[in-house]
Amino acid sequence: MRAERERRRKRIKRIETDLVKFGISTGTVRNLIYCYPVGLLEKLISTTEKRQSEEPATYFLNGLKRSKIKHRIQYNPTEDEDT
């Protein structure tokens, strides 16, 4: 259990350093880590680094926005709520 916490802490620290290197503020980075899964953030960071865009912060945040839209919960109203 302690090893898992230590691994997670290292992953989060790596995410923090990468996002600050991209030019995203520390407060925003902490908010993103709190709101999004660590695996998703790592995946977006790796794709941003592969892309090597001129503005990595903008590319990362747009990818995060698109992933949020893609994976949102679908709401299906019941028959009583249709009226």
Protein backbone atom coordinates (compact mmCIF):
# COMPACT_ATOMS: atom_id res chain seq x y z
CA MET A 1 0.00 0.00 0.00
CA ARG A 2 2.81 2.37 0.84
CA ALA A 3 4.58 1.51 -2.40
CA GLU A 4 1.43 2.37 -4.37
CA ARG A 5 1.19 5.77 -2.69
CA GLU A 6 4.84 6.44 -3.42
CA ARG A 7 4.39 5.49 -7.11
CA ARG A 8 1.33 7.72 -7.39
CA ARG A 9 3.19 10.59 -5.73
CA LYS A 10 6.06 10.21 -8.22
CA ARG A 11 3.63 10.15 -11.16
CA ILE A 12 1.93 13.31 -9.90
CA LYS A 13 5.27 15.05 -9.39
CA ARG A 14 6.29 14.14 -12.96
CA ILE A 15 2.99 15.51 -14.28
CA GLU A 16 3.49 18.74 -12.33
CA THR A 17 6.98 19.31 -13.73
CA ASP A 18 5.93 18.55 -17.30
CA LEU A 19 2.93 20.88 -17.22
CA VAL A 20 4.91 23.71 -15.64
CA LYS A 21 7.54 23.17 -18.35
CA PHE A 22 4.74 23.59 -20.93
CA GLY A 23 3.92 26.99 -19.40
CA ILE A 24 0.83 26.19 -17.33
CA SER A 25 0.67 27.91 -13.92
CA THR A 26 1.19 25.94 -10.71
CA GLY A 27 -2.33 26.61 -9.42
CA THR A 28 -3.90 25.40 -12.65
CA VAL A 29 -1.69 22.30 -12.59
CA ARG A 30 -2.86 21.42 -9.08
CA ASN A 31 -6.47 21.94 -10.10
CA LEU A 32 -6.04 19.69 -13.16
CA ILE A 33 -4.46 16.93 -11.06
CA TYR A 34 -7.34 17.16 -8.61
CA CYS A 35 -10.05 17.07 -11.30
CA TYR A 36 -8.71 14.59 -13.86
CA PRO A 37 -7.33 11.04 -13.67
CA VAL A 38 -3.55 10.75 -13.58
CA GLY A 39 -3.50 8.29 -16.49
CA LEU A 40 -5.39 10.69 -18.76
CA LEU A 41 -3.02 13.54 -17.94
CA GLU A 42 0.00 11.33 -18.63
CA LYS A 43 -1.44 10.27 -21.98
CA LEU A 44 -2.12 13.86 -23.03
CA ILE A 45 1.37 14.93 -21.95
CA SER A 46 2.96 12.19 -24.03
CA THR A 47 0.93 13.11 -27.13
CA THR A 48 1.77 16.78 -26.63
CA GLU A 49 5.48 15.97 -26.43
CA LYS A 50 5.26 13.81 -29.58
CA ARG A 51 3.52 16.59 -31.45
CA GLN A 52 6.19 19.18 -30.57
CA SER A 53 3.85 22.10 -31.17
CA GLU A 54 4.94 25.71 -30.78
CA GLU A 55 2.47 26.28 -27.95
CA PRO A 56 2.39 23.06 -25.89
CA ALA A 57 0.15 24.53 -23.16
CA THR A 58 -2.60 25.40 -25.64
CA TYR A 59 -2.30 22.03 -27.37
CA PHE A 60 -2.52 20.19 -24.04
CA LEU A 61 -5.53 22.16 -22.78
CA ASN A 62 -7.40 21.73 -26.08
CA GLY A 63 -6.77 17.99 -25.92
CA LEU A 64 -8.05 17.95 -22.35
CA LYS A 65 -11.18 19.81 -23.43
CA ARG A 66 -11.80 17.38 -26.29
CA SER A 67 -11.32 14.35 -24.04
CA LYS A 68 -13.81 15.83 -21.57
CA ILE A 69 -16.39 16.24 -24.32
CA LYS A 70 -15.71 12.75 -25.66
CA HIS A 71 -16.03 10.97 -22.31
CA ARG A 72 -18.85 12.90 -20.67
CA ILE A 73 -21.81 11.07 -19.18
CA GLN A 74 -24.78 10.82 -21.50
CA TYR A 75 -28.04 11.94 -19.94
CA ASN A 76 -31.18 10.13 -21.06
CA PRO A 77 -34.41 11.60 -19.65
CA THR A 78 -37.11 9.23 -18.48
CA GLU A 79 -40.66 9.38 -19.81
CA ASP A 80 -41.82 11.55 -16.88
CA GLU A 81 -39.16 14.16 -17.58
CA ASP A 82 -40.06 14.55 -21.26
CA THR A 83 -43.17 16.58 -20.53
